[in-house]
Protein backbone atom coordinates (compact mmCIF):
# COMPACT_ATOMS: atom_id res chain seq x y z
CA MET A 1 0.11 -0.19 -0.23
CA THR A 2 1.45 3.50 -0.98
CA GLY A 3 1.16 6.09 1.62
CA THR A 4 -0.19 9.49 0.65
CA ARG A 5 1.55 12.79 1.37
CA THR A 6 -0.94 15.26 3.42
CA SER A 7 0.13 18.68 3.35
CA ARG A 8 0.58 20.87 6.65
CA PRO A 9 -2.36 23.22 7.18
CA ALA A 10 -1.81 26.84 6.48
CA ASP A 11 -0.35 28.66 9.55
CA PRO A 12 0.41 32.10 8.68
CA GLU A 13 1.59 32.92 12.08
CA ARG A 14 4.14 30.22 12.33
CA ASP A 15 5.12 30.78 8.49
CA THR A 16 5.82 34.32 9.05
CA LEU A 17 8.09 33.84 12.14
CA ASP A 18 10.16 30.88 10.01
CA LYS A 19 11.38 33.56 7.86
CA ALA A 20 13.44 34.92 10.92
CA ALA A 21 16.01 31.96 10.11
CA ALA A 22 16.83 33.39 6.93
CA GLU A 23 17.12 37.23 7.65
CA ASN A 24 20.71 38.72 7.30
CA PHE A 25 20.98 39.69 11.07
CA PRO A 26 19.75 37.75 14.17
CA VAL A 27 16.36 38.61 15.26
CA ALA A 28 16.39 37.55 18.67
CA PRO A 29 19.66 35.35 19.25
CA PHE A 30 19.71 32.84 22.03
CA PHE A 31 22.25 35.16 24.45
CA LEU A 32 19.18 37.54 25.08
CA PRO A 33 17.16 37.21 28.21
CA ARG A 34 13.99 35.20 27.27
CA ALA A 35 11.59 37.78 27.64
CA TRP A 36 13.89 40.10 25.27
CA ARG A 37 13.53 37.19 22.83
CA ASP A 38 9.65 36.89 22.98
CA ASP A 39 9.06 40.44 22.36
CA LEU A 40 11.56 41.00 19.71
CA MET A 41 10.19 37.95 17.72
CA ALA A 42 6.75 39.55 18.32
CA VAL A 43 8.29 42.79 16.82
CA TYR A 44 9.80 40.90 13.95
CA GLY A 45 6.69 38.92 13.12
CA PHE A 46 4.68 42.29 12.70
CA ALA A 47 7.63 43.80 10.55
CA ARG A 48 7.97 40.98 8.25
CA LEU A 49 4.01 40.52 7.74
CA VAL A 50 3.61 44.02 6.65
CA ASP A 51 6.97 43.71 4.30
CA ASP A 52 5.17 40.64 3.00
CA ILE A 53 2.28 42.37 2.37
CA GLY A 54 3.85 45.36 0.56
CA ASP A 55 5.76 43.20 -1.61
CA GLY A 56 3.12 40.60 -2.53
CA ASP A 57 5.07 37.66 -0.91
CA LEU A 58 2.06 36.35 1.29
CA ALA A 59 1.47 32.75 1.24
CA PRO A 60 -0.98 31.90 -1.40
CA GLY A 61 -4.46 30.78 -0.34
CA GLY A 62 -5.65 34.14 1.20
CA ALA A 63 -5.37 32.85 4.86
CA ASP A 64 -3.72 35.98 5.84
CA ALA A 65 -6.46 38.19 4.08
CA ARG A 66 -9.14 36.03 5.83
CA LEU A 67 -7.98 36.96 9.20
CA LEU A 68 -7.46 40.54 8.34
CA GLY A 69 -11.21 40.37 7.22
CA VAL A 70 -10.58 40.82 3.46
CA ALA A 71 -12.06 38.39 1.04
CA PRO A 72 -9.44 36.42 -0.27
CA GLN A 73 -9.98 37.35 -3.83
CA ASP A 74 -8.70 40.64 -2.58
CA ALA A 75 -5.68 39.09 -0.96
CA ASP A 76 -3.50 40.63 -3.76
CA ASP A 77 -4.66 44.12 -3.49
CA ARG A 78 -1.74 45.30 -1.88
CA LEU A 79 -3.47 48.61 -0.46
CA LEU A 80 -6.05 47.22 0.79
CA MET A 81 -4.34 44.45 2.55
CA LEU A 82 -2.31 47.53 4.25
CA ASP A 83 -5.65 49.40 4.99
CA ALA A 84 -6.72 46.18 6.68
CA PHE A 85 -3.80 45.39 8.69
CA GLU A 86 -3.68 49.31 9.92
CA ALA A 87 -7.02 48.85 11.18
CA ASP A 88 -5.94 45.48 13.10
CA LEU A 89 -2.87 47.40 14.69
CA GLY A 90 -5.63 49.76 16.10
CA ARG A 91 -7.12 46.76 17.71
CA VAL A 92 -3.68 46.31 19.54
CA PHE A 93 -4.12 48.98 21.19
CA ASP A 94 -7.67 49.31 22.13
CA SER A 95 -9.28 45.83 21.67
CA THR A 96 -8.53 42.42 20.61
CA PRO A 97 -6.80 42.09 16.99
CA ARG A 98 -7.90 39.87 14.66
CA HIS A 99 -4.35 38.20 12.91
CA PRO A 100 -2.60 35.85 15.50
CA LEU A 101 0.79 37.78 14.77
CA LEU A 102 -0.87 41.46 16.11
CA ARG A 103 -2.63 39.11 19.04
CA ARG A 104 1.27 38.05 19.85
CA LEU A 105 2.23 41.54 19.60
CA GLN A 106 0.01 43.14 22.05
CA PRO A 107 1.55 41.76 25.27
CA THR A 108 4.77 43.17 24.08
CA VAL A 109 2.79 46.67 23.23
CA ARG A 110 1.62 46.66 26.79
CA ARG A 111 4.69 45.46 28.82
CA ARG A 112 7.16 47.78 27.29
CA ALA A 113 4.65 50.71 26.72
CA LEU A 114 5.20 50.78 23.07
CA THR A 115 3.40 53.56 21.09
CA PRO A 116 1.80 53.29 17.54
CA GLU A 117 4.22 55.53 15.87
CA PRO A 118 7.21 52.96 14.75
CA PHE A 119 4.60 50.55 13.72
CA LEU A 120 2.55 53.05 11.41
CA GLY A 121 5.90 53.91 10.14
CA LEU A 122 6.39 50.38 8.57
CA ILE A 123 2.95 50.22 7.67
CA ALA A 124 3.36 54.11 5.95
CA ALA A 125 6.74 52.73 4.11
CA ASN A 126 4.93 49.84 2.59
CA ARG A 127 2.08 51.69 1.32
CA GLN A 128 4.95 54.48 -0.36
CA ASP A 129 5.94 51.12 -1.90
CA GLN A 130 2.88 50.76 -3.58
CA LEU A 131 2.74 54.57 -5.09
CA VAL A 132 6.63 55.62 -5.24
CA THR A 133 8.70 53.41 -7.18
CA ARG A 134 11.72 56.05 -7.83
CA TYR A 135 13.37 58.65 -5.89
CA GLU A 136 14.68 61.83 -7.39
CA THR A 137 17.19 62.61 -4.54
CA TYR A 138 19.52 61.36 -1.77
CA ASP A 139 16.81 63.16 0.79
CA ASP A 140 14.20 61.76 -0.61
CA LEU A 141 15.52 58.15 0.01
CA LEU A 142 16.67 59.21 3.41
CA ALA A 143 12.97 60.39 4.29
CA TYR A 144 11.65 56.91 3.05
CA CYS A 145 14.57 54.97 5.12
CA GLU A 146 12.65 57.22 8.24
CA LEU A 147 9.77 55.07 7.80
CA SER A 148 10.99 51.83 6.15
CA ALA A 149 14.09 51.35 8.60
CA ASN A 150 14.46 53.39 11.75
CA PRO A 151 11.40 52.05 13.62
CA VAL A 152 12.93 49.25 13.67
CA GLY A 153 15.82 50.44 15.76
CA ARG A 154 13.68 52.31 17.78
CA LEU A 155 11.61 49.53 18.77
CA VAL A 156 14.93 47.38 19.76
CA LEU A 157 15.41 50.19 21.88
CA ALA A 158 12.28 50.43 23.35
CA VAL A 159 11.87 46.84 23.80
CA THR A 160 15.08 46.70 25.95
CA GLY A 161 14.41 49.93 27.99
CA THR A 162 17.27 51.98 26.66
CA SER A 163 16.12 54.47 24.82
CA THR A 164 17.68 58.08 25.01
CA PRO A 165 17.53 60.65 22.36
CA GLU A 166 21.03 60.26 21.47
CA ARG A 167 20.74 56.69 21.28
CA ILE A 168 17.57 57.00 19.00
CA ARG A 169 19.41 59.41 16.76
CA LEU A 170 22.63 56.83 16.56
CA SER A 171 20.46 54.09 15.89
CA ASP A 172 18.83 56.00 13.00
CA ALA A 173 21.95 56.34 11.16
CA ILE A 174 22.55 52.49 11.55
CA CYS A 175 19.25 51.60 10.50
CA THR A 176 19.36 53.85 7.40
CA ALA A 177 22.71 52.59 6.76
CA LEU A 178 21.63 49.14 6.67
CA GLN A 179 18.69 49.91 4.31
CA ILE A 180 20.84 51.70 1.98
CA VAL A 181 23.00 48.43 1.66
CA GLU A 182 20.26 46.39 1.20
CA HIS A 183 19.22 48.71 -1.66
CA VAL A 184 22.39 48.43 -3.26
CA GLN A 185 22.77 44.52 -2.76
CA ASP A 186 19.36 44.08 -4.19
CA VAL A 187 19.42 46.48 -7.30
CA ALA A 188 18.49 43.37 -9.57
CA GLU A 189 15.68 42.09 -7.53
CA ASP A 190 14.18 45.49 -6.78
CA LEU A 191 14.06 46.23 -10.68
CA GLY A 192 12.23 43.34 -11.02
CA ARG A 193 9.50 44.76 -8.89
CA ASP A 194 9.68 48.11 -10.81
CA ARG A 195 11.47 49.67 -7.79
CA ILE A 196 14.86 51.57 -7.98
CA TYR A 197 16.06 53.00 -4.88
CA LEU A 198 19.36 54.60 -6.54
CA PRO A 199 18.50 58.29 -6.46
CA ALA A 200 17.73 59.37 -9.91
CA GLU A 201 20.24 62.22 -9.24
CA ASP A 202 23.02 59.89 -8.70
CA MET A 203 22.47 57.86 -11.96
CA LYS A 204 22.49 61.14 -13.78
CA ARG A 205 25.86 61.97 -12.40
CA PHE A 206 27.00 58.80 -13.00
CA HIS A 207 25.54 58.30 -16.58
CA VAL A 208 23.73 55.28 -15.59
CA ARG A 209 20.39 54.65 -17.24
CA GLU A 210 17.87 52.14 -16.09
CA SER A 211 18.62 49.78 -18.89
CA ASP A 212 22.24 49.69 -17.79
CA LEU A 213 20.39 48.01 -14.21
CA ALA A 214 18.75 45.19 -16.24
CA THR A 215 22.35 43.77 -17.57
CA ASP A 216 23.82 40.64 -16.36
CA HIS A 217 26.76 42.35 -15.22
CA ALA A 218 27.41 45.81 -14.23
CA GLY A 219 29.43 48.19 -16.51
CA ALA A 220 31.78 50.89 -14.75
CA SER A 221 29.07 53.28 -14.70
CA VAL A 222 26.65 51.00 -12.55
CA ARG A 223 29.82 50.10 -10.33
CA ALA A 224 31.05 53.59 -9.87
CA LEU A 225 27.45 54.43 -8.57
CA VAL A 226 27.04 51.54 -6.42
CA ALA A 227 30.58 52.31 -4.91
CA TYR A 228 29.35 55.88 -4.17
CA GLU A 229 26.01 54.78 -2.47
CA THR A 230 28.14 51.62 -0.66
CA GLU A 231 30.40 54.58 0.57
CA ARG A 232 27.03 56.63 1.99
CA ALA A 233 26.18 53.54 3.64
CA VAL A 234 29.58 53.10 5.33
CA GLY A 235 29.25 56.95 6.57
CA LEU A 236 26.41 56.36 8.23
CA LEU A 237 27.38 52.94 9.80
CA ASN A 238 30.40 54.75 11.51
CA GLU A 239 28.53 57.49 12.44
CA GLY A 240 25.76 55.34 14.38
CA ALA A 241 28.63 52.97 15.57
CA PRO A 242 29.37 54.64 19.13
CA LEU A 243 25.71 53.26 19.98
CA VAL A 244 27.40 50.05 20.66
CA GLY A 245 29.70 51.40 23.25
CA SER A 246 26.84 53.25 24.88
CA VAL A 247 25.23 49.97 25.96
CA HIS A 248 26.32 46.98 28.20
CA GLY A 249 25.92 43.26 28.74
CA ARG A 250 24.15 41.29 26.02
CA LEU A 251 22.48 44.27 24.22
CA LYS A 252 25.70 45.35 23.29
CA LEU A 253 26.80 42.16 21.77
CA LEU A 254 23.10 42.46 19.98
CA LEU A 255 23.86 45.83 18.27
CA ALA A 256 27.39 44.97 17.41
CA GLY A 257 25.86 42.07 15.58
CA PHE A 258 23.70 44.65 13.41
CA VAL A 259 26.73 47.02 12.60
CA ALA A 260 28.94 43.86 11.87
CA GLY A 261 26.23 42.60 9.56
CA GLY A 262 26.26 46.11 7.79
CA ARG A 263 30.03 46.03 7.53
CA ALA A 264 30.38 42.71 6.41
CA ALA A 265 27.58 43.02 3.59
CA VAL A 266 29.53 46.10 2.82
CA ARG A 267 32.91 44.19 2.47
CA ALA A 268 30.95 41.59 0.43
CA ILE A 269 30.17 44.39 -2.12
CA VAL A 270 33.66 45.64 -2.51
CA ALA A 271 34.89 41.86 -2.94
CA ALA A 272 32.23 41.72 -5.87
CA GLU A 273 33.98 44.79 -7.34
CA TYR A 274 30.46 46.39 -6.73
CA ASP A 275 28.81 44.12 -9.33
CA VAL A 276 25.65 43.81 -7.75
CA LEU A 277 23.56 42.95 -10.79
CA PRO A 278 24.10 38.98 -11.07
CA GLY A 279 22.52 38.83 -7.47
CA PRO A 280 22.92 40.03 -4.06
CA PRO A 281 26.80 39.67 -2.84
CA ARG A 282 26.58 38.13 0.75
CA ALA A 283 29.07 38.11 3.71
CA GLY A 284 30.28 34.60 5.19
CA ARG A 285 29.89 33.79 8.81
CA PHE A 286 33.41 33.92 9.46
CA GLN A 287 33.56 37.75 8.17
CA LEU A 288 30.48 38.41 10.28
CA LEU A 289 32.09 37.31 13.12
CA ARG A 290 35.27 39.47 12.49
CA GLU A 291 33.42 42.55 12.05
CA ALA A 292 31.50 41.86 15.19
CA GLY A 293 34.86 41.55 16.93
CA VAL A 294 36.29 44.54 15.29
CA THR A 295 33.20 46.46 16.03
CA LEU A 296 33.06 45.21 19.95
CA ARG A 297 36.51 46.50 20.30
CA GLY A 298 35.39 50.28 19.00
CA LYS A 299 37.18 50.13 15.83
CA GLY A 300 36.70 49.88 12.11
């Protein structure tokens, strides 16, 4: 008798949280206190789901749409889904949310006295991705990073009870740097989504046309542009790096990992001679550990 394979029932909460293992940086590493790990995973679940909605990467079948009160046939309407998700976020603060990832987030919000603003920023960034696919200036890109990246660092500080105005400023620099590095790594993937995060004014300066980004390998002009944007990210990483020295213990290890991840990614881009078009250059584990050591020693 031949056995039959049964597929696992859809579990939107678990499917989203499982993606943490594939992220560039440890989301809630084992060395953190259990309470911090639980709360950081709850924040991650929110951030990952809102990005999946904005990128059209939800699991097929419409399970997330049903949980948010959206008809399955409308699950591909990203703006509608983001609106429904924002409405469910509101329930985190005043009633009972529908989606299990937001129900998971609710105790964290209450325990850490988190405010809606950073969560709304992440939703606004994904809404902007549906409406804005090109950025004219570097300042325009920084304004986008203020919504898409900086709230994550602010949430980490809030969860760990270490927020101060100066730490938020330093965290913002690191998060913006990490976002720019990711944009540089993912030029080809983003173009496939009809998005370009390289500022148009810089493309003109380096004589790069959109068609130059759609080739198998980067020419000299594209490499020069990628090098320029990478150096901008390095400057921001260096600006924010003192955040690591401003905290102690296991949080210092976590923040050093974020900075080291950015620096290791930069080294991978440099090692690829700034040719990011075949695919994102990725750093190996040894390089990441090396950069973490350098960052913890306050060098680099």
